[in-house]
């Protein structure tokens, strides 16, 4: 296997993977959880990860609602991208009679299990879920990371793969951080492909809109003593170096400067925007919340009738709004699904509303109880 050249993105990715992995391992399979696994009489690595993440949901997120107990509904798969990268995916099929699918995309240095658990609300709303590791992440083939440029091929391959394996009536997409950028970027750049494959709605959590903005935002926090003009020069040098790397790996037609959703909207012909729920926090330290507002405004300017919505919190750590504002976060996603079903006059509308009411009742999403420390914190930071 060809070894990837060292660069800042790969080095950062690998360092963060080690850091986050060590934190995750604190919740590894042991004790009661190990005995739980032995009940399945299986040493399957996926089962171990699921039980570990069940523990994370219980001990760190403190939300038993997010645990996955029906491990028998999980299926490991491998699929391939158009540029020959082998990716590891995971089907979660709790709704066997449903032809609705949610494809969830994880953040930079994350992996498919985070995407799966953050998307649990979709399973409660009647969807089956497909998650996968982007190239260079998790169990997928090692590759150079590009913060979304080549990873868009991974999302296209995932959409194609789900359609090949199952009967699909509609697809929803959910992305977090870099995963959100990829979903937003690809849904415009490859718009016709998305429409042909029945992508009906998108949930975008903590997105950015272009590589230059997010790098400038990030470098401002790291090297604030450097003048603004100098920071811009550093960002441009970095982008140029990444473009050289792309060319050296055979991606002659890709350009880091193309990673700009705002410009892409104005350039695309016959563009049909897909309704999107944007979620962000004003104090996000990794991606600028202004990017989410700017994108929503640009989309509305392009199509005044687009059914986008924004859920913006005052306070929540990057990618962690689901933890801090569990009830508000999930209620909004479920409500967005219902509203889109109503607009599209879905033949399943009655059942979707039943699922929504059941979810609200089971997860108590409409009951923010000040006596509950978690709800009290959410209200104070909302």
Protein backbone atom coordinates (compact mmCIF):
# COMPACT_ATOMS: atom_id res chain seq x y z
CA UNK A 1 0.00 0.00 0.00
CA UNK A 2 1.33 3.42 -0.99
CA UNK A 3 2.18 5.48 2.05
CA UNK A 4 0.62 8.93 2.14
CA UNK A 5 2.86 11.97 2.24
CA UNK A 6 3.00 13.83 5.53
CA UNK A 7 1.04 17.07 5.62
CA UNK A 8 -0.57 19.26 8.25
CA UNK A 9 -4.10 17.89 7.77
CA UNK A 10 -3.02 14.24 8.03
CA UNK A 11 -0.75 14.94 11.00
CA UNK A 12 -3.55 16.79 12.82
CA UNK A 13 -6.04 14.06 11.96
CA UNK A 14 -3.82 11.26 13.24
CA UNK A 15 -2.99 13.13 16.45
CA UNK A 16 -6.66 13.79 17.16
CA UNK A 17 -7.56 10.18 16.40
CA UNK A 18 -5.07 9.03 19.03
CA UNK A 19 -6.33 11.57 21.56
CA UNK A 20 -10.03 10.84 21.04
CA UNK A 21 -9.34 7.11 20.88
CA UNK A 22 -7.70 7.20 24.30
CA UNK A 23 -10.75 8.99 25.71
CA UNK A 24 -13.11 6.46 24.13
CA UNK A 25 -11.09 3.55 25.52
CA UNK A 26 -11.90 4.75 29.02
CA UNK A 27 -15.36 3.31 28.31
CA UNK A 28 -14.03 0.02 26.86
CA UNK A 29 -15.77 -3.32 27.33
CA UNK A 30 -15.22 -4.66 30.82
CA UNK A 31 -17.11 -5.93 33.82
CA UNK A 32 -20.88 -6.07 33.30
CA UNK A 33 -20.49 -4.84 29.73
CA UNK A 34 -18.10 -7.68 28.95
CA UNK A 35 -20.61 -10.20 30.31
CA UNK A 36 -23.26 -8.50 28.14
CA UNK A 37 -21.12 -9.15 25.10
CA UNK A 38 -20.52 -12.77 26.08
CA UNK A 39 -24.28 -13.32 26.05
CA UNK A 40 -24.07 -12.87 22.29
CA UNK A 41 -21.28 -15.50 22.28
CA UNK A 42 -19.44 -13.34 19.78
CA UNK A 43 -16.09 -11.55 19.72
CA UNK A 44 -17.27 -9.28 16.91
CA UNK A 45 -15.42 -5.94 16.96
CA UNK A 46 -18.62 -4.08 16.02
CA UNK A 47 -20.45 -5.48 19.03
CA UNK A 48 -17.59 -4.36 21.27
CA UNK A 49 -17.78 -0.86 19.84
CA UNK A 50 -21.54 -0.72 20.26
CA UNK A 51 -21.35 -1.76 23.88
CA UNK A 52 -18.51 0.74 24.46
CA UNK A 53 -20.58 3.52 22.92
CA UNK A 54 -23.64 2.48 24.87
CA UNK A 55 -21.45 3.06 27.90
CA UNK A 56 -20.40 6.47 26.57
CA UNK A 57 -24.04 7.44 26.05
CA UNK A 58 -24.88 6.37 29.60
CA UNK A 59 -21.83 7.71 31.46
CA UNK A 60 -20.74 10.75 29.41
CA UNK A 61 -23.83 11.88 27.50
CA UNK A 62 -26.01 10.67 30.38
CA UNK A 63 -28.75 9.73 27.93
CA UNK A 64 -30.01 6.17 28.04
CA UNK A 65 -32.31 7.11 25.15
CA UNK A 66 -29.32 6.92 22.80
CA UNK A 67 -28.14 3.40 23.58
CA UNK A 68 -28.56 0.69 20.95
CA UNK A 69 -29.84 -2.61 22.32
CA UNK A 70 -30.88 -4.38 19.12
CA UNK A 71 -27.36 -5.34 18.08
CA UNK A 72 -28.79 -8.00 15.76
CA UNK A 73 -29.91 -5.19 13.45
CA UNK A 74 -26.31 -4.17 12.68
CA UNK A 75 -24.43 -5.30 9.59
CA UNK A 76 -20.79 -4.55 8.66
CA UNK A 77 -20.01 -3.87 5.00
CA UNK A 78 -17.19 -2.72 2.74
CA UNK A 79 -17.77 -0.62 -0.37
CA UNK A 80 -15.63 1.25 -2.88
CA UNK A 81 -15.48 4.84 -4.11
CA UNK A 82 -15.17 6.04 -7.69
CA UNK A 83 -11.45 6.65 -7.14
CA UNK A 84 -10.86 3.17 -5.76
CA UNK A 85 -10.82 3.74 -1.99
CA UNK A 86 -12.24 0.93 0.15
CA UNK A 87 -14.48 2.19 2.93
CA UNK A 88 -15.94 0.43 5.96
CA UNK A 89 -19.65 0.95 6.54
CA UNK A 90 -22.33 -0.15 8.97
CA UNK A 91 -26.02 -0.72 8.35
CA UNK A 92 -28.41 -0.28 11.26
CA UNK A 93 -31.83 -1.64 10.26
CA UNK A 94 -34.32 -1.32 13.13
CA UNK A 95 -37.25 -0.67 10.76
CA UNK A 96 -37.34 -3.67 8.45
CA UNK A 97 -40.50 -2.59 6.64
CA UNK A 98 -39.20 0.91 5.93
CA UNK A 99 -37.61 2.09 2.67
CA UNK A 100 -36.47 5.36 4.22
CA UNK A 101 -32.76 5.76 4.86
CA UNK A 102 -30.58 8.18 6.77
CA UNK A 103 -26.90 8.41 5.84
CA UNK A 104 -24.90 10.10 8.60
CA UNK A 105 -21.42 11.61 8.20
CA UNK A 106 -18.96 11.96 11.08
CA UNK A 107 -16.61 14.81 11.91
CA UNK A 108 -12.88 15.20 11.20
CA UNK A 109 -10.87 12.57 13.12
CA UNK A 110 -14.15 10.91 14.17
CA UNK A 111 -15.70 7.69 12.88
CA UNK A 112 -18.97 6.00 12.00
CA UNK A 113 -20.03 5.09 15.54
CA UNK A 114 -20.28 8.75 16.56
CA UNK A 115 -22.38 9.41 13.47
CA UNK A 116 -24.65 6.47 14.29
CA UNK A 117 -25.41 7.53 17.84
CA UNK A 118 -25.93 11.19 16.97
CA UNK A 119 -28.49 10.08 14.37
CA UNK A 120 -30.51 7.80 16.69
CA UNK A 121 -33.56 10.09 16.44
CA UNK A 122 -33.95 9.12 12.78
CA UNK A 123 -34.34 5.47 13.76
CA UNK A 124 -37.13 6.47 16.13
CA UNK A 125 -38.76 8.35 13.24
CA UNK A 126 -38.91 5.26 11.03
CA UNK A 127 -35.61 5.45 9.15
CA UNK A 128 -32.93 2.83 8.77
CA UNK A 129 -29.39 4.19 9.10
CA UNK A 130 -26.17 3.79 7.15
CA UNK A 131 -22.91 5.16 8.53
CA UNK A 132 -19.37 4.82 7.24
CA UNK A 133 -15.80 5.88 7.92
CA UNK A 134 -14.43 8.53 5.58
CA UNK A 135 -11.15 7.67 3.87
CA UNK A 136 -8.27 7.88 6.33
CA UNK A 137 -10.63 7.49 9.28
CA UNK A 138 -11.84 4.60 11.41
CA UNK A 139 -11.54 1.28 9.64
CA UNK A 140 -11.51 2.66 6.09
CA UNK A 141 -8.52 2.62 3.78
CA UNK A 142 -5.70 4.98 4.71
CA UNK A 143 -5.69 8.06 2.50
CA UNK A 144 -4.84 11.74 2.51
CA UNK A 145 -7.54 13.86 4.16
CA UNK A 146 -8.73 16.97 2.31
CA UNK A 147 -11.43 18.26 4.70
CA UNK A 148 -14.17 17.40 2.21
CA UNK A 149 -12.86 17.63 -1.34
CA UNK A 150 -12.06 13.97 -2.00
CA UNK A 151 -14.28 12.84 0.88
CA UNK A 152 -17.26 13.99 -1.20
CA UNK A 153 -16.58 10.92 -3.35
CA UNK A 154 -17.08 8.83 -0.20
CA UNK A 155 -20.56 10.27 0.35
CA UNK A 156 -21.50 9.73 -3.31
CA UNK A 157 -20.36 6.12 -3.02
CA UNK A 158 -22.39 5.66 0.19
CA UNK A 159 -25.56 6.97 -1.47
CA UNK A 160 -25.00 4.73 -4.48
CA UNK A 161 -24.25 1.72 -2.26
CA UNK A 162 -27.44 2.07 -0.20
CA UNK A 163 -29.49 2.31 -3.40
CA UNK A 164 -27.82 -0.81 -4.79
CA UNK A 165 -28.36 -2.87 -1.65
CA UNK A 166 -31.90 -1.90 -0.71
CA UNK A 167 -35.16 -0.61 -2.08
CA UNK A 168 -35.08 3.12 -1.32
CA UNK A 169 -38.03 5.52 -1.32
CA UNK A 170 -36.11 8.43 0.14
CA UNK A 171 -32.79 9.36 1.69
CA UNK A 172 -32.04 11.90 4.41
CA UNK A 173 -28.51 13.09 5.14
CA UNK A 174 -26.96 14.24 8.39
CA UNK A 175 -23.48 15.66 8.79
CA UNK A 176 -21.52 17.06 11.71
CA UNK A 177 -18.67 19.58 11.35
CA UNK A 178 -16.58 18.44 8.35
CA UNK A 179 -19.32 15.87 7.71
CA UNK A 180 -21.80 18.76 7.49
CA UNK A 181 -19.56 20.64 5.07
CA UNK A 182 -19.33 17.55 2.88
CA UNK A 183 -23.10 17.05 2.85
CA UNK A 184 -23.77 20.72 2.02
CA UNK A 185 -20.98 20.95 -0.55
CA UNK A 186 -21.77 17.69 -2.34
CA UNK A 187 -25.53 18.36 -2.39
CA UNK A 188 -24.82 21.42 -4.54
CA UNK A 189 -21.80 20.31 -6.57
CA UNK A 190 -23.42 16.95 -7.38
CA UNK A 191 -26.99 18.20 -7.16
CA UNK A 192 -28.43 16.13 -10.00
CA UNK A 193 -27.01 12.92 -8.52
CA UNK A 194 -28.63 13.73 -5.16
CA UNK A 195 -32.01 14.43 -6.77
CA UNK A 196 -31.88 11.26 -8.87
CA UNK A 197 -31.16 9.25 -5.72
CA UNK A 198 -34.13 10.68 -3.80
CA UNK A 199 -32.28 12.77 -1.22
CA UNK A 200 -35.15 14.65 0.40
CA UNK A 201 -33.75 16.47 3.44
CA UNK A 202 -30.51 17.36 5.20
CA UNK A 203 -29.48 18.06 8.79
CA UNK A 204 -26.31 20.17 8.99
CA UNK A 205 -24.67 20.41 12.43
CA UNK A 206 -21.74 22.82 13.01
CA UNK A 207 -20.83 23.32 9.36
CA UNK A 208 -18.43 25.69 7.67
CA UNK A 209 -18.83 27.00 4.11
CA UNK A 210 -15.32 27.21 2.70
CA UNK A 211 -11.79 26.09 3.46
CA UNK A 212 -10.38 29.61 3.67
CA UNK A 213 -12.91 30.80 6.24
CA UNK A 214 -12.49 27.86 8.59
CA UNK A 215 -8.69 27.99 8.37
CA UNK A 216 -8.69 31.74 8.99
CA UNK A 217 -11.08 31.27 11.92
CA UNK A 218 -8.91 28.52 13.38
CA UNK A 219 -5.56 30.28 12.86
CA UNK A 220 -6.95 33.47 14.39
CA UNK A 221 -7.43 31.60 17.65
CA UNK A 222 -4.04 29.88 17.49
CA UNK A 223 -1.89 32.76 16.25
CA UNK A 224 -3.90 35.85 17.14
CA UNK A 225 -0.71 37.90 17.46
CA UNK A 226 -0.12 37.57 13.72
CA UNK A 227 -1.64 40.47 11.71
CA UNK A 228 -4.80 39.73 9.73
CA UNK A 229 -3.07 40.26 6.37
CA UNK A 230 -0.31 37.85 7.35
CA UNK A 231 -2.84 35.24 8.44
CA UNK A 232 -4.49 35.43 5.02
CA UNK A 233 -1.10 34.94 3.41
CA UNK A 234 -0.46 31.86 5.57
CA UNK A 235 -3.87 30.42 4.65
CA UNK A 236 -3.21 30.95 0.94
CA UNK A 237 0.19 29.26 1.22
CA UNK A 238 -1.41 26.33 2.96
CA UNK A 239 -4.11 26.00 0.28
CA UNK A 240 -1.46 26.15 -2.47
CA UNK A 241 0.52 23.39 -0.78
CA UNK A 242 -2.61 21.23 -0.58
CA UNK A 243 -3.28 21.78 -4.27
CA UNK A 244 0.24 20.58 -5.09
CA UNK A 245 -0.41 17.51 -2.96
CA UNK A 246 -3.65 16.81 -4.86
CA UNK A 247 -1.85 17.01 -8.20
CA UNK A 248 0.89 14.67 -6.97
CA UNK A 249 -1.77 12.09 -6.06
CA UNK A 250 -3.44 12.25 -9.46
CA UNK A 251 -6.35 14.58 -8.69
CA UNK A 252 -5.66 16.99 -11.55
CA UNK A 253 -9.22 18.32 -11.69
CA UNK A 254 -9.61 19.11 -7.99
CA UNK A 255 -8.77 22.46 -6.42
CA UNK A 256 -8.93 23.46 -2.75
CA UNK A 257 -10.14 26.90 -3.81
CA UNK A 258 -13.28 25.17 -5.14
CA UNK A 259 -14.25 24.30 -1.58
CA UNK A 260 -16.51 27.32 -1.31
CA UNK A 261 -20.22 26.59 -1.08
CA UNK A 262 -21.17 30.27 -1.36
CA UNK A 263 -19.51 30.61 -4.76
CA UNK A 264 -20.71 27.18 -5.85
CA UNK A 265 -24.36 28.14 -5.42
CA UNK A 266 -24.03 30.95 -7.97
CA UNK A 267 -22.15 28.77 -10.47
CA UNK A 268 -24.33 25.67 -10.57
CA UNK A 269 -26.87 25.38 -13.40
CA UNK A 270 -30.36 23.92 -12.87
CA UNK A 271 -29.73 23.79 -9.13
CA UNK A 272 -32.56 22.53 -6.94
CA UNK A 273 -31.75 23.06 -3.28
CA UNK A 274 -32.63 20.33 -0.79
CA UNK A 275 -34.43 21.48 2.41
CA UNK A 276 -31.91 21.73 5.23
CA UNK A 277 -32.05 22.12 8.99
CA UNK A 278 -28.96 24.05 10.09
CA UNK A 279 -27.77 23.61 13.68
CA UNK A 280 -24.95 25.60 15.25
CA UNK A 281 -23.84 27.28 18.46
CA UNK A 282 -22.85 30.94 18.72
CA UNK A 283 -19.80 30.11 20.84
CA UNK A 284 -18.50 27.29 18.62
CA UNK A 285 -14.69 27.43 18.88
CA UNK A 286 -13.99 25.30 15.79
CA UNK A 287 -16.32 26.47 13.04
CA UNK A 288 -17.81 30.00 12.74
CA UNK A 289 -21.55 30.18 13.30
CA UNK A 290 -21.59 33.09 10.84
CA UNK A 291 -20.91 30.55 8.09
CA UNK A 292 -24.20 28.82 8.84
CA UNK A 293 -26.11 32.11 8.73
CA UNK A 294 -24.34 33.23 5.56
CA UNK A 295 -25.14 29.94 3.85
CA UNK A 296 -28.80 30.03 4.89
CA UNK A 297 -29.10 33.61 3.60
CA UNK A 298 -27.40 32.74 0.30
CA UNK A 299 -29.70 29.77 -0.19
CA UNK A 300 -32.78 31.90 0.53
CA UNK A 301 -31.54 34.50 -1.92
CA UNK A 302 -31.11 31.83 -4.57
CA UNK A 303 -34.51 30.23 -3.86
CA UNK A 304 -36.93 32.32 -1.82
CA UNK A 305 -39.19 29.29 -1.29
CA UNK A 306 -36.55 26.90 0.06
CA UNK A 307 -37.75 25.30 3.29
CA UNK A 308 -34.59 25.72 5.36
CA UNK A 309 -34.63 26.15 9.11
CA UNK A 310 -32.01 27.23 11.65
CA UNK A 311 -31.57 26.06 15.24
CA UNK A 312 -28.91 28.23 16.87
CA UNK A 313 -27.86 27.79 20.49
CA UNK A 314 -26.12 30.40 22.59
CA UNK A 315 -23.76 27.89 24.15
CA UNK A 316 -22.65 24.36 23.20
CA UNK A 317 -19.27 22.83 22.49
CA UNK A 318 -18.43 22.03 18.89
CA UNK A 319 -20.44 18.93 17.77
CA UNK A 320 -21.94 18.59 21.27
CA UNK A 321 -25.27 20.42 21.00
CA UNK A 322 -26.97 17.00 21.09
CA UNK A 323 -25.43 16.40 24.52
CA UNK A 324 -26.00 19.84 26.04
CA UNK A 325 -29.43 20.43 24.49
CA UNK A 326 -30.63 16.86 24.01
CA UNK A 327 -34.37 17.53 24.08
CA UNK A 328 -34.42 20.71 22.01
CA UNK A 329 -31.97 19.24 19.48
CA UNK A 330 -33.84 15.99 18.85
CA UNK A 331 -37.28 17.58 19.01
CA UNK A 332 -36.29 20.00 16.26
CA UNK A 333 -34.95 17.26 13.99
CA UNK A 334 -38.10 15.16 14.46
CA UNK A 335 -40.31 18.19 13.85
CA UNK A 336 -38.35 19.00 10.66
CA UNK A 337 -38.99 15.46 9.40
CA UNK A 338 -42.73 15.82 10.09
CA UNK A 339 -42.96 19.22 8.39
CA UNK A 340 -41.21 17.94 5.28
CA UNK A 341 -43.54 14.93 5.18
CA UNK A 342 -46.52 17.28 5.35
CA UNK A 343 -45.18 19.47 2.57
CA UNK A 344 -44.44 16.47 0.35
CA UNK A 345 -47.87 14.98 1.10
CA UNK A 346 -46.21 11.75 2.17
CA UNK A 347 -48.44 8.68 2.00
CA UNK A 348 -46.87 7.74 5.35
CA UNK A 349 -47.76 11.03 7.03
CA UNK A 350 -50.19 9.51 9.52
CA UNK A 351 -47.58 6.98 10.66
CA UNK A 352 -44.85 9.62 10.78
CA UNK A 353 -46.99 11.74 13.11
CA UNK A 354 -47.64 8.68 15.29
CA UNK A 355 -43.90 8.00 15.49
CA UNK A 356 -43.28 11.64 16.36
CA UNK A 357 -45.84 11.61 19.18
CA UNK A 358 -44.42 8.33 20.48
CA UNK A 359 -40.90 9.78 20.41
CA UNK A 360 -41.98 12.94 22.23
CA UNK A 361 -43.61 10.81 24.91
CA UNK A 362 -40.81 8.26 25.33
CA UNK A 363 -37.94 10.78 25.33
CA UNK A 364 -40.01 13.50 27.07
CA UNK A 365 -38.81 15.98 24.46
CA UNK A 366 -41.53 18.53 25.23
CA UNK A 367 -40.85 18.49 28.97
CA UNK A 368 -37.88 20.65 29.95
CA UNK A 369 -37.91 20.03 33.69
CA UNK A 370 -36.00 22.57 35.79
CA UNK A 371 -35.68 19.89 38.48
CA UNK A 372 -33.61 17.82 36.05
CA UNK A 373 -29.98 19.03 36.10
CA UNK A 374 -29.53 18.23 32.41
CA UNK A 375 -32.64 20.18 31.38
CA UNK A 376 -31.77 23.04 33.71
CA UNK A 377 -28.33 23.33 32.12
CA UNK A 378 -29.85 23.25 28.63
CA UNK A 379 -32.29 26.04 29.47
CA UNK A 380 -29.55 28.19 30.97
CA UNK A 381 -27.34 27.78 27.88
CA UNK A 382 -30.06 27.91 25.21
